[in-house]
Amino acid sequence: MALDIKLAESCELDLLCLGECMVRLSPVGHGRIEFANTMDVWVGGGEYNVAYALARYGMRCGWVGALVDNPVGRIVLNHARGAGLDTTHIVMQPYDGVGRAARIGLNFTEVGVGPRASVTLYDRGHSATSQMKPGDVDWKQIFSERGVRWLHTGGIYTCLSESTRAVAAEALQAAHEAGTVVSYDLNFRSKLWSSREAIQTTRPLVQYIDCLIGNEEDFQKVLGYEVEGADKNLKELPIENYKKMVRQVAGDYPNLKVIGTTLREVVSASVNNWSAILYWAENDTFYQGPQFNGLTLEDRVGGGDGFASGFVYGFLQGKDPQTAVDWGTAHGALLQSTRGDTSQVTLDEFMRVAGGGSARIVR
């Protein structure tokens, strides 16, 4: 049941991520969208963020999504290329001058503070990525000819449209058949689809997945599992009952080798208690990452992607489950120390914090 990761020398890419990347517009500081005169421009997307982070650490990473060939699309393209991401398989769509056929998805995000929560307002309908369809990408050429050690995607991509659901299934099956390790972040988004749609779509995909990522709400809304004793607002998580649920998922899907989740207690929009756990099916054991109590947040968006990229990096580096969850937890904490969705963390910072280092000034 251990992860069987291909040797680096046998593949062109260490990691490939499939998902939508959007342009994010945020009021300066902790301002409100309604009153903004100026907005910061960021780039990000759940799956894209994972590839971007590991590319910064020297891994050979690629991203697959769709872009419109206009200046807004090139914001994303330039951002990806700036980190060294392989953009070979991006689906480029022509710009019709208006955006009726395809456009770049936008999100407007307020960064909360104190009792005022962060808020994201989507403007992503009819986006280029949502219109991807089976056959747009030659998955056999990617996985069987180029070679990829790890594929990461998730529920944010799958929920965009009927056609992206078909593309996700096509990619997952091709990766699985080629012996590529597959991770999938359940990432439920109630604004984009219903729990019923999520369950009907996702359950048939799990057979191709090795590593499953999700919090208690994700498992409830996307796979239909309940955590005994969890309150309806999911403010508190009974850990032992959550572990019981994870074991039930692993029993129902014996192909799953790793199940990971972040543990977030919201003290305020500015301060969270943060940790994570990882279930390793081979020995039926849970591993817990370090506890970051009173973690001061600059921007919580992307914290879960920071966890995913940290633990994927650990496994790709040949580390054990405890190290992987330690690295994922530390990386998620660090990612929330900067603005924007994508990582601005250096490898030296990552390794120092993952190794238990303090925040003393570095001179």
Foldseek 3Di string as FASTA:
>chain_A
DDQDFDDPVVAQFAEEEEAAKAKEWEAPAQDDPVPGPHTDIFMGDLRVQLQLQVLLVVGAYAYEFEAEPDPRSVVHVVSCVVSPHDDPLYHYDYDPPPQPQAHGKYKYWGQDDFAGAIDIDTDGPNHRRLPDAPPSGDLCCRPVPRNYREYEYEDNQCLSYPRSLVVVLVNLVSNQVSSHAYEYEHPDDPVRDFLVVLQVSCPVSLLSHAEYEYDQVSCCSRNNFHQPPQDPVNQDHPVVSVLVRVVVVCVVHVNHQKYKYKDWHDPHSFWIWTWMWMAGVVVRDIAIEDIDHRQGFSGLAQLQSQLVSQLSVCVSVVHDNNLSRLLSRLRSSQQRRDDHNHRPDHPVNSVCVSVVHDPPDDD
